[in-house]
Amino acid sequence: MPNKISSYNGAELPPSVQGSTGTSALADKTQAGASPAAATSTADQVTLTGSARTLQKLNSVLANTPVVNAAKVATIKQAVQSGTYSVDPAKVADKLLKIDGELQ
């Protein structure tokens, strides 16, 4: 059963916890103990490995690859519309049984 807290007032929090002033308790602690030279340090750098670069390229290629083979869909669509598309029930049944076997 939830308890109702009626005496809480957000304005009672110190400015470093509220976050509305742009400061935080963590930032204040790290800057208070740091030397002036450390406070003006350069930005962090990240170096990607060859594997990471390969994954980035692969991700880019996959993002630009269509999910559906449009040429195959057009061919089947035309065959259905012209009445020449045929379904082999035995082949469909074999594939359904194969999928069922893999699921078990």
PDB file of N, CA and C in Angstrom:
ATOM      1  N   MET A   1       0.848  -1.168   0.000  1.00  0.00           N
ATOM      2  CA  MET A   1       0.000   0.000   0.000  1.00  0.00           C
ATOM      3  C   MET A   1       0.896   1.234   0.000  1.00  0.00           C
ATOM      4  N   PRO A   2       0.743   2.164  -0.951  1.00  0.00           N
ATOM      5  CA  PRO A   2       1.592   3.343  -1.019  1.00  0.00           C
ATOM      6  C   PRO A   2       1.296   4.310   0.118  1.00  0.00           C
ATOM      7  N   ASN A   3       2.337   4.963   0.568  1.00  0.00           N
ATOM      8  CA  ASN A   3       2.215   5.981   1.596  1.00  0.00           C
ATOM      9  C   ASN A   3       2.261   7.354   0.944  1.00  0.00           C
ATOM     10  N   LYS A   4       1.409   8.238   1.368  1.00  0.00           N
ATOM     11  CA  LYS A   4       1.374   9.592   0.823  1.00  0.00           C
ATOM     12  C   LYS A   4       2.326  10.461   1.628  1.00  0.00           C
ATOM     13  N   ILE A   5       3.198  11.161   0.928  1.00  0.00           N
ATOM     14  CA  ILE A   5       4.128  12.069   1.587  1.00  0.00           C
ATOM     15  C   ILE A   5       3.600  13.478   1.358  1.00  0.00           C
ATOM     16  N   SER A   6       3.111  14.097   2.415  1.00  0.00           N
ATOM     17  CA  SER A   6       2.490  15.406   2.260  1.00  0.00           C
ATOM     18  C   SER A   6       3.392  16.550   2.683  1.00  0.00           C
ATOM     19  N   SER A   7       4.476  16.269   3.403  1.00  0.00           N
ATOM     20  CA  SER A   7       5.304  17.366   3.902  1.00  0.00           C
ATOM     21  C   SER A   7       6.491  17.661   2.999  1.00  0.00           C
ATOM     22  N   TYR A   8       6.606  17.002   1.861  1.00  0.00           N
ATOM     23  CA  TYR A   8       7.741  17.221   0.955  1.00  0.00           C
ATOM     24  C   TYR A   8       7.529  18.483   0.150  1.00  0.00           C
ATOM     25  N   ASN A   9       8.562  19.312   0.084  1.00  0.00           N
ATOM     26  CA  ASN A   9       8.526  20.525  -0.721  1.00  0.00           C
ATOM     27  C   ASN A   9       9.835  20.574  -1.497  1.00  0.00           C
ATOM     28  N   GLY A  10       9.785  20.557  -2.794  1.00  0.00           N
ATOM     29  CA  GLY A  10      10.978  20.555  -3.637  1.00  0.00           C
ATOM     30  C   GLY A  10      11.841  21.784  -3.442  1.00  0.00           C
ATOM     31  N   ALA A  11      11.275  22.887  -3.002  1.00  0.00           N
ATOM     32  CA  ALA A  11      12.033  24.118  -2.822  1.00  0.00           C
ATOM     33  C   ALA A  11      12.971  24.014  -1.627  1.00  0.00           C
ATOM     34  N   GLU A  12      12.785  23.030  -0.762  1.00  0.00           N
ATOM     35  CA  GLU A  12      13.618  22.883   0.422  1.00  0.00           C
ATOM     36  C   GLU A  12      14.975  22.270   0.097  1.00  0.00           C
ATOM     37  N   LEU A  13      15.141  21.683  -1.081  1.00  0.00           N
ATOM     38  CA  LEU A  13      16.391  21.043  -1.428  1.00  0.00           C
ATOM     39  C   LEU A  13      17.465  22.088  -1.699  1.00  0.00           C
ATOM     40  N   PRO A  14      18.731  21.761  -1.387  1.00  0.00           N
ATOM     41  CA  PRO A  14      19.813  22.697  -1.713  1.00  0.00           C
ATOM     42  C   PRO A  14      19.959  22.805  -3.225  1.00  0.00           C
ATOM     43  N   PRO A  15      20.468  23.926  -3.740  1.00  0.00           N
ATOM     44  CA  PRO A  15      20.570  24.132  -5.191  1.00  0.00           C
ATOM     45  C   PRO A  15      21.386  23.061  -5.900  1.00  0.00           C
ATOM     46  N   SER A  16      22.396  22.481  -5.263  1.00  0.00           N
ATOM     47  CA  SER A  16      23.219  21.478  -5.934  1.00  0.00           C
ATOM     48  C   SER A  16      22.459  20.187  -6.191  1.00  0.00           C
ATOM     49  N   VAL A  17      21.360  19.940  -5.483  1.00  0.00           N
ATOM     50  CA  VAL A  17      20.575  18.735  -5.681  1.00  0.00           C
ATOM     51  C   VAL A  17      19.415  18.988  -6.629  1.00  0.00           C
ATOM     52  N   GLN A  18      18.883  20.188  -6.645  1.00  0.00           N
ATOM     53  CA  GLN A  18      17.727  20.491  -7.475  1.00  0.00           C
ATOM     54  C   GLN A  18      18.029  20.350  -8.960  1.00  0.00           C
ATOM     55  N   GLY A  19      19.192  20.736  -9.392  1.00  0.00           N
ATOM     56  CA  GLY A  19      19.533  20.609 -10.797  1.00  0.00           C
ATOM     57  C   GLY A  19      19.022  21.749 -11.647  1.00  0.00           C
ATOM     58  N   SER A  20      18.149  22.594 -11.143  1.00  0.00           N
ATOM     59  CA  SER A  20      17.605  23.688 -11.948  1.00  0.00           C
ATOM     60  C   SER A  20      18.610  24.813 -12.106  1.00  0.00           C
ATOM     61  N   THR A  21      19.636  24.857 -11.261  1.00  0.00           N
ATOM     62  CA  THR A  21      20.626  25.920 -11.361  1.00  0.00           C
ATOM     63  C   THR A  21      21.775  25.535 -12.281  1.00  0.00           C
ATOM     64  N   GLY A  22      21.781  24.291 -12.760  1.00  0.00           N
ATOM     65  CA  GLY A  22      22.825  23.847 -13.667  1.00  0.00           C
ATOM     66  C   GLY A  22      24.007  23.232 -12.943  1.00  0.00           C
ATOM     67  N   THR A  23      23.979  23.203 -11.610  1.00  0.00           N
ATOM     68  CA  THR A  23      25.066  22.579 -10.871  1.00  0.00           C
ATOM     69  C   THR A  23      24.576  21.289 -10.260  1.00  0.00           C
ATOM     70  N   SER A  24      25.506  20.437  -9.936  1.00  0.00           N
ATOM     71  CA  SER A  24      25.134  19.194  -9.267  1.00  0.00           C
ATOM     72  C   SER A  24      26.115  18.933  -8.146  1.00  0.00           C
ATOM     73  N   ALA A  25      25.725  18.116  -7.206  1.00  0.00           N
ATOM     74  CA  ALA A  25      26.582  17.791  -6.075  1.00  0.00           C
ATOM     75  C   ALA A  25      27.833  17.075  -6.553  1.00  0.00           C
ATOM     76  N   LEU A  26      27.718  16.215  -7.546  1.00  0.00           N
ATOM     77  CA  LEU A  26      28.857  15.477  -8.053  1.00  0.00           C
ATOM     78  C   LEU A  26      29.864  16.419  -8.697  1.00  0.00           C
ATOM     79  N   ALA A  27      29.382  17.355  -9.498  1.00  0.00           N
ATOM     80  CA  ALA A  27      30.283  18.306 -10.146  1.00  0.00           C
ATOM     81  C   ALA A  27      30.977  19.167  -9.114  1.00  0.00           C
ATOM     82  N   ASP A  28      30.275  19.574  -8.070  1.00  0.00           N
ATOM     83  CA  ASP A  28      30.861  20.407  -7.031  1.00  0.00           C
ATOM     84  C   ASP A  28      31.957  19.659  -6.304  1.00  0.00           C
ATOM     85  N   LYS A  29      31.759  18.380  -6.003  1.00  0.00           N
ATOM     86  CA  LYS A  29      32.749  17.589  -5.279  1.00  0.00           C
ATOM     87  C   LYS A  29      34.003  17.409  -6.116  1.00  0.00           C
ATOM     88  N   THR A  30      33.850  17.105  -7.384  1.00  0.00           N
ATOM     89  CA  THR A  30      35.024  16.841  -8.213  1.00  0.00           C
ATOM     90  C   THR A  30      35.806  18.118  -8.463  1.00  0.00           C
ATOM     91  N   GLN A  31      35.161  19.232  -8.601  1.00  0.00           N
ATOM     92  CA  GLN A  31      35.862  20.475  -8.863  1.00  0.00           C
ATOM     93  C   GLN A  31      36.484  21.037  -7.589  1.00  0.00           C
ATOM     94  N   ALA A  32      35.881  20.773  -6.431  1.00  0.00           N
ATOM     95  CA  ALA A  32      36.411  21.302  -5.181  1.00  0.00           C
ATOM     96  C   ALA A  32      37.744  20.654  -4.852  1.00  0.00           C
ATOM     97  N   GLY A  33      37.917  19.368  -5.130  1.00  0.00           N
ATOM     98  CA  GLY A  33      39.139  18.670  -4.790  1.00  0.00           C
ATOM     99  C   GLY A  33      40.166  18.691  -5.905  1.00  0.00           C
ATOM    100  N   ALA A  34      39.844  19.180  -7.057  1.00  0.00           N
ATOM    101  CA  ALA A  34      40.744  19.154  -8.195  1.00  0.00           C
ATOM    102  C   ALA A  34      41.600  20.408  -8.229  1.00  0.00           C
ATOM    103  N   SER A  35      42.779  20.257  -8.798  1.00  0.00           N
ATOM    104  CA  SER A  35      43.655  21.415  -8.951  1.00  0.00           C
ATOM    105  C   SER A  35      43.193  22.239 -10.142  1.00  0.00           C
ATOM    106  N   PRO A  36      43.594  23.503 -10.223  1.00  0.00           N
ATOM    107  CA  PRO A  36      43.177  24.328 -11.365  1.00  0.00           C
ATOM    108  C   PRO A  36      43.641  23.760 -12.698  1.00  0.00           C
ATOM    109  N   ALA A  37      44.788  23.094 -12.739  1.00  0.00           N
ATOM    110  CA  ALA A  37      45.279  22.517 -13.988  1.00  0.00           C
ATOM    111  C   ALA A  37      44.370  21.389 -14.454  1.00  0.00           C
ATOM    112  N   ALA A  38      43.867  20.596 -13.503  1.00  0.00           N
ATOM    113  CA  ALA A  38      42.993  19.482 -13.858  1.00  0.00           C
ATOM    114  C   ALA A  38      41.644  19.986 -14.343  1.00  0.00           C
ATOM    115  N   ALA A  39      41.196  21.113 -13.840  1.00  0.00           N
ATOM    116  CA  ALA A  39      39.903  21.657 -14.237  1.00  0.00           C
ATOM    117  C   ALA A  39      39.920  22.150 -15.671  1.00  0.00           C
ATOM    118  N   THR A  40      41.092  22.501 -16.200  1.00  0.00           N
ATOM    119  CA  THR A  40      41.197  23.012 -17.569  1.00  0.00           C
ATOM    120  C   THR A  40      41.777  21.970 -18.504  1.00  0.00           C
ATOM    121  N   SER A  41      41.631  20.676 -18.189  1.00  0.00           N
ATOM    122  CA  SER A  41      42.196  19.624 -19.022  1.00  0.00           C
ATOM    123  C   SER A  41      41.470  19.557 -20.366  1.00  0.00           C
ATOM    124  N   THR A  42      42.125  18.924 -21.319  1.00  0.00           N
ATOM    125  CA  THR A  42      41.543  18.805 -22.660  1.00  0.00           C
ATOM    126  C   THR A  42      40.436  17.764 -22.650  1.00  0.00           C
ATOM    127  N   ALA A  43      39.694  17.730 -23.740  1.00  0.00           N
ATOM    128  CA  ALA A  43      38.569  16.792 -23.860  1.00  0.00           C
ATOM    129  C   ALA A  43      39.073  15.360 -23.965  1.00  0.00           C
ATOM    130  N   ASP A  44      38.227  14.431 -23.583  1.00  0.00           N
ATOM    131  CA  ASP A  44      38.558  13.013 -23.679  1.00  0.00           C
ATOM    132  C   ASP A  44      38.607  12.591 -25.136  1.00  0.00           C
ATOM    133  N   GLN A  45      39.384  11.553 -25.420  1.00  0.00           N
ATOM    134  CA  GLN A  45      39.486  11.023 -26.774  1.00  0.00           C
ATOM    135  C   GLN A  45      39.084   9.561 -26.773  1.00  0.00           C
ATOM    136  N   VAL A  46      38.498   9.142 -27.878  1.00  0.00           N
ATOM    137  CA  VAL A  46      38.105   7.741 -28.056  1.00  0.00           C
ATOM    138  C   VAL A  46      38.739   7.253 -29.347  1.00  0.00           C
ATOM    139  N   THR A  47      39.374   6.098 -29.280  1.00  0.00           N
ATOM    140  CA  THR A  47      39.966   5.494 -30.465  1.00  0.00           C
ATOM    141  C   THR A  47      39.241   4.189 -30.741  1.00  0.00           C
ATOM    142  N   LEU A  48      38.740   4.046 -31.960  1.00  0.00           N
ATOM    143  CA  LEU A  48      38.010   2.841 -32.342  1.00  0.00           C
ATOM    144  C   LEU A  48      38.972   1.796 -32.889  1.00  0.00           C
ATOM    145  N   THR A  49      38.735   0.551 -32.554  1.00  0.00           N
ATOM    146  CA  THR A  49      39.537  -0.540 -33.095  1.00  0.00           C
ATOM    147  C   THR A  49      39.077  -0.844 -34.517  1.00  0.00           C
ATOM    148  N   GLY A  50      39.841  -1.655 -35.193  1.00  0.00           N
ATOM    149  CA  GLY A  50      39.461  -2.061 -36.549  1.00  0.00           C
ATOM    150  C   GLY A  50      38.133  -2.797 -36.562  1.00  0.00           C
ATOM    151  N   SER A  51      37.898  -3.606 -35.538  1.00  0.00           N
ATOM    152  CA  SER A  51      36.630  -4.337 -35.449  1.00  0.00           C
ATOM    153  C   SER A  51      35.461  -3.376 -35.288  1.00  0.00           C
ATOM    154  N   ALA A  52      35.644  -2.341 -34.478  1.00  0.00           N
ATOM    155  CA  ALA A  52      34.579  -1.367 -34.277  1.00  0.00           C
ATOM    156  C   ALA A  52      34.291  -0.612 -35.563  1.00  0.00           C
ATOM    157  N   ARG A  53      35.322  -0.279 -36.312  1.00  0.00           N
ATOM    158  CA  ARG A  53      35.110   0.413 -37.597  1.00  0.00           C
ATOM    159  C   ARG A  53      34.367  -0.495 -38.572  1.00  0.00           C
ATOM    160  N   THR A  54      34.737  -1.774 -38.584  1.00  0.00           N
ATOM    161  CA  THR A  54      34.055  -2.726 -39.462  1.00  0.00           C
ATOM    162  C   THR A  54      32.585  -2.841 -39.078  1.00  0.00           C
ATOM    163  N   LEU A  55      32.302  -2.898 -37.783  1.00  0.00           N
ATOM    164  CA  LEU A  55      30.914  -2.972 -37.326  1.00  0.00           C
ATOM    165  C   LEU A  55      30.143  -1.715 -37.692  1.00  0.00           C
ATOM    166  N   GLN A  56      30.786  -0.558 -37.618  1.00  0.00           N
ATOM    167  CA  GLN A  56      30.125   0.689 -38.016  1.00  0.00           C
ATOM    168  C   GLN A  56      29.765   0.653 -39.496  1.00  0.00           C
ATOM    169  N   LYS A  57      30.683   0.201 -40.333  1.00  0.00           N
ATOM    170  CA  LYS A  57      30.419   0.122 -41.775  1.00  0.00           C
ATOM    171  C   LYS A  57      29.299  -0.881 -42.061  1.00  0.00           C
ATOM    172  N   LEU A  58      29.342  -2.017 -41.385  1.00  0.00           N
ATOM    173  CA  LEU A  58      28.317  -3.037 -41.565  1.00  0.00           C
ATOM    174  C   LEU A  58      26.951  -2.509 -41.149  1.00  0.00           C
ATOM    175  N   ASN A  59      26.911  -1.809 -40.031  1.00  0.00           N
ATOM    176  CA  ASN A  59      25.667  -1.217 -39.550  1.00  0.00           C
ATOM    177  C   ASN A  59      25.132  -0.206 -40.559  1.00  0.00           C
ATOM    178  N   SER A  60      26.015   0.582 -41.151  1.00  0.00           N
ATOM    179  CA  SER A  60      25.599   1.558 -42.158  1.00  0.00           C
ATOM    180  C   SER A  60      25.032   0.864 -43.394  1.00  0.00           C
ATOM    181  N   VAL A  61      25.688  -0.194 -43.851  1.00  0.00           N
ATOM    182  CA  VAL A  61      25.215  -0.931 -45.024  1.00  0.00           C
ATOM    183  C   VAL A  61      23.860  -1.563 -44.738  1.00  0.00           C
ATOM    184  N   LEU A  62      23.718  -2.171 -43.570  1.00  0.00           N
ATOM    185  CA  LEU A  62      22.449  -2.810 -43.217  1.00  0.00           C
ATOM    186  C   LEU A  62      21.323  -1.792 -43.073  1.00  0.00           C
ATOM    187  N   ALA A  63      21.640  -0.610 -42.573  1.00  0.00           N
ATOM    188  CA  ALA A  63      20.618   0.418 -42.408  1.00  0.00           C
ATOM    189  C   ALA A  63      20.095   0.890 -43.762  1.00  0.00           C
ATOM    190  N   ASN A  64      20.940   0.810 -44.790  1.00  0.00           N
ATOM    191  CA  ASN A  64      20.532   1.264 -46.121  1.00  0.00           C
ATOM    192  C   ASN A  64      20.029   0.144 -47.016  1.00  0.00           C
ATOM    193  N   THR A  65      20.001  -1.086 -46.502  1.00  0.00           N
ATOM    194  CA  THR A  65      19.532  -2.229 -47.280  1.00  0.00           C
ATOM    195  C   THR A  65      18.033  -2.404 -47.066  1.00  0.00           C
ATOM    196  N   PRO A  66      17.275  -2.519 -48.140  1.00  0.00           N
ATOM    197  CA  PRO A  66      15.826  -2.707 -47.974  1.00  0.00           C
ATOM    198  C   PRO A  66      15.525  -4.056 -47.324  1.00  0.00           C
ATOM    199  N   VAL A  67      14.479  -4.093 -46.547  1.00  0.00           N
ATOM    200  CA  VAL A  67      14.096  -5.301 -45.835  1.00  0.00           C
ATOM    201  C   VAL A  67      13.469  -6.311 -46.790  1.00  0.00           C
ATOM    202  N   VAL A  68      12.836  -5.839 -47.837  1.00  0.00           N
ATOM    203  CA  VAL A  68      12.104  -6.684 -48.769  1.00  0.00           C
ATOM    204  C   VAL A  68      12.813  -6.678 -50.119  1.00  0.00           C
ATOM    205  N   ASN A  69      12.889  -7.853 -50.757  1.00  0.00           N
ATOM    206  CA  ASN A  69      13.440  -7.957 -52.099  1.00  0.00           C
ATOM    207  C   ASN A  69      12.355  -7.510 -53.081  1.00  0.00           C
ATOM    208  N   ALA A  70      12.429  -6.258 -53.489  1.00  0.00           N
ATOM    209  CA  ALA A  70      11.384  -5.650 -54.316  1.00  0.00           C
ATOM    210  C   ALA A  70      11.218  -6.361 -55.657  1.00  0.00           C
ATOM    211  N   ALA A  71      12.314  -6.824 -56.245  1.00  0.00           N
ATOM    212  CA  ALA A  71      12.232  -7.506 -57.548  1.00  0.00           C
ATOM    213  C   ALA A  71      11.464  -8.819 -57.418  1.00  0.00           C
ATOM    214  N   LYS A  72      11.728  -9.563 -56.350  1.00  0.00           N
ATOM    215  CA  LYS A  72      11.032 -10.837 -56.157  1.00  0.00           C
ATOM    216  C   LYS A  72       9.546 -10.604 -55.883  1.00  0.00           C
ATOM    217  N   VAL A  73       9.240  -9.588 -55.097  1.00  0.00           N
ATOM    218  CA  VAL A  73       7.840  -9.261 -54.803  1.00  0.00           C
ATOM    219  C   VAL A  73       7.114  -8.874 -56.087  1.00  0.00           C
ATOM    220  N   ALA A  74       7.759  -8.090 -56.946  1.00  0.00           N
ATOM    221  CA  ALA A  74       7.128  -7.675 -58.209  1.00  0.00           C
ATOM    222  C   ALA A  74       6.864  -8.875 -59.113  1.00  0.00           C
ATOM    223  N   THR A  75       7.805  -9.810 -59.156  1.00  0.00           N
ATOM    224  CA  THR A  75       7.639 -11.006 -59.986  1.00  0.00           C
ATOM    225  C   THR A  75       6.464 -11.852 -59.499  1.00  0.00           C
ATOM    226  N   ILE A  76       6.402 -12.080 -58.192  1.00  0.00           N
ATOM    227  CA  ILE A  76       5.309 -12.886 -57.633  1.00  0.00           C
ATOM    228  C   ILE A  76       3.974 -12.172 -57.791  1.00  0.00           C
ATOM    229  N   LYS A  77       3.973 -10.862 -57.604  1.00  0.00           N
ATOM    230  CA  LYS A  77       2.739 -10.076 -57.747  1.00  0.00           C
ATOM    231  C   LYS A  77       2.195 -10.189 -59.173  1.00  0.00           C
ATOM    232  N   GLN A  78       3.095 -10.093 -60.127  1.00  0.00           N
ATOM    233  CA  GLN A  78       2.669 -10.195 -61.527  1.00  0.00           C
ATOM    234  C   GLN A  78       2.126 -11.592 -61.823  1.00  0.00           C
ATOM    235  N   ALA A  79       2.763 -12.633 -61.274  1.00  0.00           N
ATOM    236  CA  ALA A  79       2.308 -14.005 -61.501  1.00  0.00           C
ATOM    237  C   ALA A  79       0.934 -14.222 -60.875  1.00  0.00           C
ATOM    238  N   VAL A  80       0.701 -13.654 -59.676  1.00  0.00           N
ATOM    239  CA  VAL A  80      -0.607 -13.791 -59.020  1.00  0.00           C
ATOM    240  C   VAL A  80      -1.676 -13.085 -59.844  1.00  0.00           C
ATOM    241  N   GLN A  81      -1.370 -11.875 -60.313  1.00  0.00           N
ATOM    242  CA  GLN A  81      -2.346 -11.100 -61.084  1.00  0.00           C
ATOM    243  C   GLN A  81      -2.679 -11.763 -62.416  1.00  0.00           C
ATOM    244  N   SER A  82      -1.690 -12.402 -63.017  1.00  0.00           N
ATOM    245  CA  SER A  82      -1.944 -13.046 -64.313  1.00  0.00           C
ATOM    246  C   SER A  82      -2.513 -14.455 -64.163  1.00  0.00           C
ATOM    247  N   GLY A  83      -2.532 -14.967 -62.924  1.00  0.00           N
ATOM    248  CA  GLY A  83      -3.097 -16.295 -62.691  1.00  0.00           C
ATOM    249  C   GLY A  83      -2.122 -17.426 -62.944  1.00  0.00           C
ATOM    250  N   THR A  84      -0.846 -17.119 -63.112  1.00  0.00           N
ATOM    251  CA  THR A  84       0.141 -18.166 -63.390  1.00  0.00           C
ATOM    252  C   THR A  84       0.897 -18.615 -62.141  1.00  0.00           C
ATOM    253  N   TYR A  85       0.622 -18.007 -61.001  1.00  0.00           N
ATOM    254  CA  TYR A  85       1.313 -18.382 -59.759  1.00  0.00           C
ATOM    255  C   TYR A  85       0.677 -19.649 -59.211  1.00  0.00           C
ATOM    256  N   SER A  86       1.523 -20.639 -58.943  1.00  0.00           N
ATOM    257  CA  SER A  86       0.988 -21.888 -58.401  1.00  0.00           C
ATOM    258  C   SER A  86       1.717 -22.231 -57.104  1.00  0.00           C
ATOM    259  N   VAL A  87       0.975 -22.861 -56.234  1.00  0.00           N
ATOM    260  CA  VAL A  87       1.514 -23.270 -54.937  1.00  0.00           C
ATOM    261  C   VAL A  87       1.587 -24.786 -54.912  1.00  0.00           C
ATOM    262  N   ASP A  88       2.729 -25.317 -54.499  1.00  0.00           N
ATOM    263  CA  ASP A  88       2.899 -26.757 -54.359  1.00  0.00           C
ATOM    264  C   ASP A  88       2.591 -27.115 -52.909  1.00  0.00           C
ATOM    265  N   PRO A  89       1.406 -27.704 -52.650  1.00  0.00           N
ATOM    266  CA  PRO A  89       1.009 -27.986 -51.265  1.00  0.00           C
ATOM    267  C   PRO A  89       1.971 -28.927 -50.537  1.00  0.00           C
ATOM    268  N   ALA A  90       2.562 -29.863 -51.236  1.00  0.00           N
ATOM    269  CA  ALA A  90       3.500 -30.799 -50.603  1.00  0.00           C
ATOM    270  C   ALA A  90       4.750 -30.058 -50.123  1.00  0.00           C
ATOM    271  N   LYS A  91       5.219 -29.120 -50.928  1.00  0.00           N
ATOM    272  CA  LYS A  91       6.400 -28.340 -50.574  1.00  0.00           C
ATOM    273  C   LYS A  91       6.114 -27.458 -49.353  1.00  0.00           C
ATOM    274  N   VAL A  92       4.934 -26.855 -49.324  1.00  0.00           N
ATOM    275  CA  VAL A  92       4.536 -26.021 -48.183  1.00  0.00           C
ATOM    276  C   VAL A  92       4.446 -26.867 -46.927  1.00  0.00           C
ATOM    277  N   ALA A  93       3.838 -28.042 -47.033  1.00  0.00           N
ATOM    278  CA  ALA A  93       3.691 -28.928 -45.885  1.00  0.00           C
ATOM    279  C   ALA A  93       5.057 -29.383 -45.368  1.00  0.00           C
ATOM    280  N   ASP A  94       5.977 -29.728 -46.285  1.00  0.00           N
ATOM    281  CA  ASP A  94       7.319 -30.148 -45.872  1.00  0.00           C
ATOM    282  C   ASP A  94       8.038 -29.039 -45.096  1.00  0.00           C
ATOM    283  N   LYS A  95       7.923 -27.810 -45.572  1.00  0.00           N
ATOM    284  CA  LYS A  95       8.582 -26.694 -44.896  1.00  0.00           C
ATOM    285  C   LYS A  95       7.947 -26.406 -43.537  1.00  0.00           C
ATOM    286  N   LEU A  96       6.635 -26.542 -43.448  1.00  0.00           N
ATOM    287  CA  LEU A  96       5.964 -26.339 -42.155  1.00  0.00           C
ATOM    288  C   LEU A  96       6.405 -27.398 -41.145  1.00  0.00           C
ATOM    289  N   LEU A  97       6.519 -28.644 -41.606  1.00  0.00           N
ATOM    290  CA  LEU A  97       6.980 -29.719 -40.716  1.00  0.00           C
ATOM    291  C   LEU A  97       8.439 -29.497 -40.286  1.00  0.00           C
ATOM    292  N   LYS A  98       9.249 -29.006 -41.190  1.00  0.00           N
ATOM    293  CA  LYS A  98      10.645 -28.736 -40.877  1.00  0.00           C
ATOM    294  C   LYS A  98      10.740 -27.647 -39.806  1.00  0.00           C
ATOM    295  N   ILE A  99       9.973 -26.578 -39.964  1.00  0.00           N
ATOM    296  CA  ILE A  99       9.958 -25.487 -38.979  1.00  0.00           C
ATOM    297  C   ILE A  99       9.444 -25.996 -37.638  1.00  0.00           C
ATOM    298  N   ASP A 100       8.419 -26.810 -37.657  1.00  0.00           N
ATOM    299  CA  ASP A 100       7.864 -27.369 -36.428  1.00  0.00           C
ATOM    300  C   ASP A 100       8.909 -28.228 -35.721  1.00  0.00           C
ATOM    301  N   GLY A 101       9.658 -29.009 -36.476  1.00  0.00           N
ATOM    302  CA  GLY A 101      10.707 -29.847 -35.894  1.00  0.00           C
ATOM    303  C   GLY A 101      11.820 -29.021 -35.274  1.00  0.00           C
ATOM    304  N   GLU A 102      12.165 -27.895 -35.888  1.00  0.00           N
ATOM    305  CA  GLU A 102      13.207 -27.024 -35.354  1.00  0.00           C
ATOM    306  C   GLU A 102      12.762 -26.327 -34.075  1.00  0.00           C
ATOM    307  N   LEU A 103      11.485 -26.085 -33.934  1.00  0.00           N
ATOM    308  CA  LEU A 103      10.964 -25.404 -32.754  1.00  0.00           C
ATOM    309  C   LEU A 103      10.944 -26.324 -31.537  1.00  0.00           C
ATOM    310  N   GLN A 104      10.914 -27.631 -31.771  1.00  0.00           N
ATOM    311  CA  GLN A 104      10.821 -28.570 -30.646  1.00  0.00           C
ATOM    312  C   GLN A 104      12.130 -28.980 -30.163  1.00  0.00           C
TER     313      GLN A 104
END
